[in-house]
Protein backbone atom coordinates (compact mmCIF):
# COMPACT_ATOMS: atom_id res chain seq x y z
CA MET A 1 -0.01 0.06 -0.03
CA PRO A 2 1.43 3.32 -1.11
CA PRO A 3 2.30 5.80 1.93
CA GLY A 4 -0.45 7.93 3.07
CA SER A 5 -3.23 5.63 1.68
CA SER A 6 -5.73 3.81 3.94
CA ILE A 7 -6.92 0.26 3.85
CA PRO A 8 -10.45 1.37 3.04
CA GLY A 9 -9.20 3.69 0.15
CA GLU A 10 -7.14 0.93 -1.22
CA LEU A 11 -9.87 -1.56 -1.06
CA THR A 12 -12.24 1.04 -2.84
CA ARG A 13 -9.67 1.47 -5.62
CA ARG A 14 -9.28 -2.29 -6.16
CA LEU A 15 -12.89 -3.00 -6.26
CA LEU A 16 -13.53 -0.28 -8.77
CA GLU A 17 -10.51 -1.47 -10.94
CA ARG A 18 -12.08 -4.73 -10.78
CA TRP A 19 -15.45 -3.76 -11.95
CA ARG A 20 -13.95 -1.29 -14.87
CA ALA A 21 -11.60 -4.45 -16.05
CA ARG A 22 -14.84 -6.57 -16.50
CA ALA A 23 -16.55 -3.97 -18.95
CA PRO A 24 -13.99 -1.45 -19.88
CA ASP A 25 -15.88 -0.15 -22.88
CA SER A 26 -19.48 -0.40 -21.81
CA ASP A 27 -19.63 0.75 -18.41
CA SER A 28 -19.71 4.36 -17.10
CA ALA A 29 -18.04 5.51 -13.85
CA VAL A 30 -21.43 5.74 -12.14
CA GLY A 31 -22.29 2.04 -13.58
CA THR A 32 -18.93 0.73 -12.16
CA ALA A 33 -19.40 2.41 -8.69
CA VAL A 34 -23.11 1.08 -8.53
CA SER A 35 -21.74 -2.43 -9.35
CA ALA A 36 -19.08 -2.22 -6.82
CA CYS A 37 -21.44 -0.86 -4.06
CA ASP A 38 -24.02 -3.62 -4.71
CA CYS A 39 -21.57 -6.41 -4.72
CA VAL A 40 -19.94 -5.32 -1.41
CA SER A 41 -23.59 -4.95 0.02
CA ALA A 42 -24.62 -8.35 -1.09
CA GLU A 43 -21.49 -9.87 0.53
CA PHE A 44 -21.62 -7.89 3.76
CA SER A 45 -25.34 -8.41 4.24
CA ARG A 46 -24.60 -12.08 4.24
CA TRP A 47 -22.16 -11.57 7.21
CA VAL A 48 -24.03 -8.96 9.29
CA GLY A 49 -27.39 -9.53 8.10
CA VAL A 50 -29.87 -7.05 6.51
CA ARG A 51 -30.46 -5.13 9.72
CA GLY A 52 -26.66 -5.00 10.31
CA TYR A 53 -25.86 -3.84 6.79
CA ASP A 54 -28.93 -1.28 6.96
CA ALA A 55 -27.42 0.19 9.99
CA LEU A 56 -23.97 0.19 8.44
CA ILE A 57 -25.02 1.82 5.11
CA SER A 58 -27.29 4.42 6.93
CA ARG A 59 -24.42 5.54 8.96
CA ALA A 60 -21.86 5.72 5.89
CA LEU A 61 -24.59 7.63 3.68
CA ALA A 62 -25.26 10.08 6.53
CA GLU A 63 -21.37 10.79 6.82
CA ALA A 64 -20.72 10.90 3.26
CA ARG A 65 -23.81 13.08 2.32
CA SER A 66 -22.27 15.96 4.42
CA SER A 67 -19.51 16.36 1.72
CA HIS A 68 -21.40 14.97 -1.22
CA PRO A 69 -24.77 16.51 -1.97
CA ALA A 70 -24.94 14.01 -4.99
CA LEU A 71 -25.84 11.30 -2.26
CA GLY A 72 -29.09 12.89 -1.68
CA PRO A 73 -31.28 10.88 -3.94
CA ILE A 74 -29.22 7.67 -3.09
CA ASP A 75 -30.86 5.00 -0.98
CA TYR A 76 -30.81 1.25 -0.70
CA GLN A 77 -33.44 -1.26 -1.11
CA PHE A 78 -32.98 -4.42 0.86
CA ALA A 79 -35.38 -6.97 -0.92
CA PRO A 80 -34.67 -9.29 -2.39
CA GLU A 81 -31.12 -8.45 -2.10
CA PRO A 82 -29.46 -5.10 -0.95
CA ARG A 83 -29.11 -2.68 -3.94
CA LEU A 84 -28.26 0.93 -4.52
CA THR A 85 -31.21 3.05 -5.88
CA GLY A 86 -31.39 6.73 -7.03
CA ALA A 87 -28.36 7.06 -9.26
CA ALA A 88 -30.45 8.38 -12.16
CA GLU A 89 -31.81 11.04 -10.18
CA SER A 90 -28.27 11.86 -8.74
CA ILE A 91 -26.85 12.06 -12.31
CA GLU A 92 -29.69 14.24 -13.53
CA HIS A 93 -29.37 16.72 -10.71
CA TYR A 94 -25.58 16.54 -10.15
CA GLY A 95 -24.09 15.10 -13.21
CA THR A 96 -22.09 12.08 -13.87
CA PRO A 97 -18.65 13.04 -12.44
CA ALA A 98 -20.22 14.35 -9.23
CA THR A 99 -22.45 11.16 -8.72
CA ALA A 100 -19.50 8.68 -9.49
CA GLN A 101 -17.24 10.59 -7.02
CA ALA A 102 -19.99 10.53 -4.35
CA LEU A 103 -20.61 6.81 -4.82
CA GLU A 104 -17.02 6.09 -4.66
CA THR A 105 -16.89 8.08 -1.38
CA LEU A 106 -19.83 6.06 -0.04
CA LEU A 107 -17.96 2.92 -0.84
CA GLU A 108 -14.84 4.05 0.97
CA SER A 109 -17.01 5.33 3.89
CA THR A 110 -18.69 1.97 4.07
CA LEU A 111 -15.39 0.14 4.22
CA ALA A 112 -13.84 2.61 6.71
CA LEU A 113 -16.83 1.99 9.12
CA CYS A 114 -16.27 -1.73 8.91
CA THR A 115 -12.56 -1.50 9.59
CA ARG A 116 -13.44 0.37 12.65
CA LEU A 117 -15.83 -2.38 13.81
CA ILE A 118 -14.23 -5.42 12.69
CA GLY A 119 -10.55 -4.63 11.60
CA ASP A 120 -8.58 -4.41 8.56
CA ASP A 121 -7.83 -7.82 7.92
CA LEU A 122 -11.34 -9.16 8.09
CA VAL A 123 -12.72 -6.38 5.86
CA THR A 124 -10.13 -7.02 3.34
CA THR A 125 -11.11 -10.67 3.56
CA LEU A 126 -14.62 -9.90 2.91
CA VAL A 127 -13.93 -7.52 0.00
CA GLU A 128 -11.68 -10.04 -1.79
CA ARG A 129 -14.45 -12.64 -1.26
CA SER A 130 -17.00 -10.20 -2.57
CA MET A 131 -14.60 -9.70 -5.60
CA GLU A 132 -14.75 -13.57 -6.26
CA ASN A 133 -18.24 -14.05 -5.71
CA CYS A 134 -19.96 -11.26 -7.61
CA ARG A 135 -20.25 -11.34 -11.20
CA ARG A 136 -21.47 -8.51 -13.22
CA ASP A 137 -24.64 -10.60 -14.45
CA ASP A 138 -25.59 -11.10 -10.88
CA VAL A 139 -25.27 -7.71 -9.60
CA GLY A 140 -28.25 -5.27 -10.58
CA ARG A 141 -29.72 -8.37 -12.70
CA GLY A 142 -29.07 -6.38 -15.96
CA GLU A 143 -31.29 -3.56 -14.93
CA THR A 144 -30.47 0.12 -16.39
CA LEU A 145 -29.92 3.08 -13.89
CA ASP A 146 -33.10 4.38 -15.00
CA GLN A 147 -34.79 1.11 -14.04
CA ARG A 148 -33.27 1.13 -10.72
CA SER A 149 -33.92 4.62 -9.82
CA THR A 150 -37.38 3.94 -8.37
CA THR A 151 -38.19 1.66 -5.48
CA PRO A 152 -41.10 -0.91 -6.27
């Protein structure tokens, strides 16, 4: 890890690079961040349960929203599996670059909270497992950002 970088920051970078590598020509920065968030959400929900992950992501959203207004429309739906919603609205109001940066910050904030709770080593293991377990076809079930913007 480079000097001055954090474990959550490094894990976020690796997750995003992994998702970009899976579809380098067809995916936007927002789509990459949404896929990475959904993958981590699915894996972590298995470990801490839906209620535990709801508490974790709610806290991460609250912390990250203070510095990223583009997270205002962002929320999580937990059935049948956790997934991020509101990305299309965020893009519409704040633009793609701001939304992508906000989602990357949300992912890093989520991982930072986890490292404070369970430690760097276990979070690293869970992130690595999520990178192995999640396939692009499984995350988001092929929905577009527009379809995912509303909760049924």
